[in-house]
N, C-alpha and C. Protein backbone atom coordinates (compact mmCIF):
# COMPACT_ATOMS: atom_id res chain seq x y z
N MET A 1 110.29 59.03 155.12
CA MET A 1 110.32 57.64 154.78
C MET A 1 110.32 56.83 156.06
N HIS A 2 109.52 55.81 156.09
CA HIS A 2 109.41 54.91 157.23
C HIS A 2 108.91 55.64 158.48
N GLY A 3 108.12 56.68 158.30
CA GLY A 3 107.58 57.40 159.45
C GLY A 3 106.21 56.89 159.82
N TRP A 4 105.79 57.19 161.03
CA TRP A 4 104.47 56.83 161.52
C TRP A 4 103.63 58.10 161.58
N THR A 5 102.40 57.99 161.16
CA THR A 5 101.47 59.12 161.27
C THR A 5 100.51 58.82 162.41
N LEU A 6 100.38 59.77 163.31
CA LEU A 6 99.43 59.59 164.41
C LEU A 6 98.03 59.92 163.93
N PRO A 7 97.01 59.23 164.44
CA PRO A 7 95.65 59.49 164.00
C PRO A 7 95.11 60.83 164.49
N HIS A 8 95.71 61.40 165.53
CA HIS A 8 95.25 62.66 166.09
C HIS A 8 96.25 63.75 165.74
N GLN A 9 95.76 64.90 165.31
CA GLN A 9 96.64 66.02 164.97
C GLN A 9 96.14 67.27 165.68
N VAL A 10 97.06 68.17 165.95
CA VAL A 10 96.70 69.44 166.59
C VAL A 10 97.44 70.55 165.88
N GLY A 11 96.68 71.49 165.34
CA GLY A 11 97.26 72.70 164.79
C GLY A 11 97.03 73.83 165.78
N ILE A 12 98.06 74.62 166.01
CA ILE A 12 97.92 75.73 166.96
C ILE A 12 98.16 77.03 166.20
N ARG A 13 97.06 77.69 165.83
CA ARG A 13 97.16 78.98 165.15
C ARG A 13 97.62 80.04 166.15
N ASN A 14 98.47 80.92 165.66
CA ASN A 14 98.99 82.00 166.51
C ASN A 14 99.50 81.43 167.83
N ALA A 15 100.35 80.44 167.72
CA ALA A 15 100.83 79.70 168.89
C ALA A 15 101.39 80.61 169.98
N SER A 16 102.05 81.67 169.61
CA SER A 16 102.64 82.56 170.63
C SER A 16 101.58 83.23 171.49
N ASP A 17 100.34 83.28 171.02
CA ASP A 17 99.26 83.90 171.78
C ASP A 17 98.45 82.88 172.60
N GLN A 18 98.81 81.62 172.53
CA GLN A 18 98.02 80.57 173.17
C GLN A 18 98.53 80.17 174.56
N PHE A 19 99.61 80.81 175.01
CA PHE A 19 100.23 80.48 176.29
C PHE A 19 100.44 81.73 177.13
N ASP A 20 100.39 81.55 178.45
CA ASP A 20 100.65 82.69 179.33
C ASP A 20 102.16 82.87 179.51
N SER A 21 102.55 83.81 180.34
CA SER A 21 103.97 84.11 180.53
C SER A 21 104.74 82.96 181.18
N GLU A 22 104.02 82.04 181.80
CA GLU A 22 104.65 80.86 182.42
C GLU A 22 104.68 79.66 181.48
N GLY A 23 104.14 79.82 180.27
CA GLY A 23 104.11 78.73 179.30
C GLY A 23 102.91 77.81 179.45
N GLU A 24 101.94 78.21 180.24
CA GLU A 24 100.73 77.41 180.44
C GLU A 24 99.69 77.76 179.38
N PHE A 25 98.88 76.77 179.01
CA PHE A 25 97.82 76.99 178.03
C PHE A 25 96.80 78.00 178.56
N LEU A 26 96.30 78.83 177.67
CA LEU A 26 95.22 79.75 178.00
C LEU A 26 93.86 79.13 177.70
N ASP A 27 93.82 78.16 176.79
CA ASP A 27 92.59 77.52 176.35
C ASP A 27 92.58 76.06 176.81
N ALA A 28 91.67 75.72 177.70
CA ALA A 28 91.62 74.35 178.25
C ALA A 28 91.32 73.31 177.17
N LYS A 29 90.51 73.66 176.17
CA LYS A 29 90.20 72.69 175.10
C LYS A 29 91.44 72.39 174.27
N LEU A 30 92.22 73.42 173.98
CA LEU A 30 93.45 73.22 173.23
C LEU A 30 94.43 72.38 174.04
N GLU A 31 94.54 72.66 175.32
CA GLU A 31 95.42 71.87 176.18
C GLU A 31 95.01 70.39 176.17
N LYS A 32 93.73 70.13 176.24
CA LYS A 32 93.23 68.75 176.23
C LYS A 32 93.63 68.04 174.93
N ARG A 33 93.50 68.73 173.80
CA ARG A 33 93.86 68.13 172.51
C ARG A 33 95.35 67.86 172.41
N VAL A 34 96.17 68.80 172.89
CA VAL A 34 97.61 68.62 172.83
C VAL A 34 98.05 67.48 173.75
N ARG A 35 97.44 67.38 174.93
CA ARG A 35 97.77 66.29 175.85
C ARG A 35 97.40 64.93 175.23
N LYS A 36 96.27 64.88 174.52
CA LYS A 36 95.87 63.65 173.84
C LYS A 36 96.92 63.26 172.80
N LEU A 37 97.40 64.23 172.05
CA LEU A 37 98.43 63.98 171.06
C LEU A 37 99.70 63.45 171.73
N GLY A 38 100.06 64.03 172.86
CA GLY A 38 101.24 63.56 173.60
C GLY A 38 101.09 62.13 174.07
N ARG A 39 99.90 61.79 174.58
CA ARG A 39 99.66 60.41 175.03
C ARG A 39 99.81 59.44 173.87
N GLN A 40 99.26 59.81 172.71
CA GLN A 40 99.35 58.93 171.55
C GLN A 40 100.80 58.80 171.08
N ALA A 41 101.56 59.88 171.13
CA ALA A 41 102.96 59.82 170.70
C ALA A 41 103.73 58.83 171.58
N VAL A 42 103.47 58.86 172.89
CA VAL A 42 104.14 57.94 173.80
C VAL A 42 103.69 56.50 173.53
N GLU A 43 102.39 56.32 173.34
CA GLU A 43 101.86 54.98 173.07
C GLU A 43 102.46 54.40 171.78
N TYR A 44 102.49 55.19 170.73
CA TYR A 44 102.98 54.71 169.44
C TYR A 44 104.49 54.55 169.43
N ALA A 45 105.20 55.21 170.33
CA ALA A 45 106.66 55.11 170.37
C ALA A 45 107.12 53.69 170.68
N PHE A 46 106.27 52.90 171.31
CA PHE A 46 106.65 51.56 171.71
C PHE A 46 106.14 50.48 170.77
N ILE A 47 105.53 50.88 169.67
CA ILE A 47 105.07 49.90 168.68
C ILE A 47 106.28 49.35 167.94
N ASP A 48 106.36 48.06 167.84
CA ASP A 48 107.45 47.41 167.14
C ASP A 48 106.90 46.86 165.83
N PRO A 49 107.13 47.57 164.75
CA PRO A 49 106.55 47.13 163.48
C PRO A 49 107.21 45.84 162.97
N GLU A 50 106.46 45.13 162.19
CA GLU A 50 107.00 43.93 161.56
C GLU A 50 108.11 44.38 160.60
N PRO A 51 109.19 43.64 160.55
CA PRO A 51 110.26 44.00 159.61
C PRO A 51 109.77 43.88 158.17
N ILE A 52 110.26 44.75 157.35
CA ILE A 52 109.90 44.72 155.93
C ILE A 52 110.71 43.62 155.26
N THR A 53 110.02 42.74 154.59
CA THR A 53 110.69 41.67 153.83
C THR A 53 110.21 41.72 152.40
N GLU A 54 111.08 41.41 151.53
CA GLU A 54 110.71 41.39 150.12
C GLU A 54 110.29 39.98 149.74
N HIS A 55 109.16 39.90 149.09
CA HIS A 55 108.64 38.62 148.61
C HIS A 55 108.74 38.63 147.08
N THR A 56 109.52 37.76 146.57
CA THR A 56 109.63 37.66 145.12
C THR A 56 109.24 36.25 144.69
N THR A 57 108.57 36.18 143.60
CA THR A 57 108.21 34.87 143.05
C THR A 57 108.83 34.76 141.67
N GLN A 58 109.41 33.61 141.40
CA GLN A 58 110.02 33.41 140.09
C GLN A 58 109.60 32.09 139.53
């Protein structure tokens, strides 16, 4: 409830096989996608949404 959905998503199949022993990405394309997701998460973290107000007419 009241969550934000980012427009970019990254699924990592077999995640344990996608990193080397130092925790670095093995696939440069996957790393690029994950970094993009991180940038968007930081960007969206500072969005200040309009407060929700109830409008009733009687």
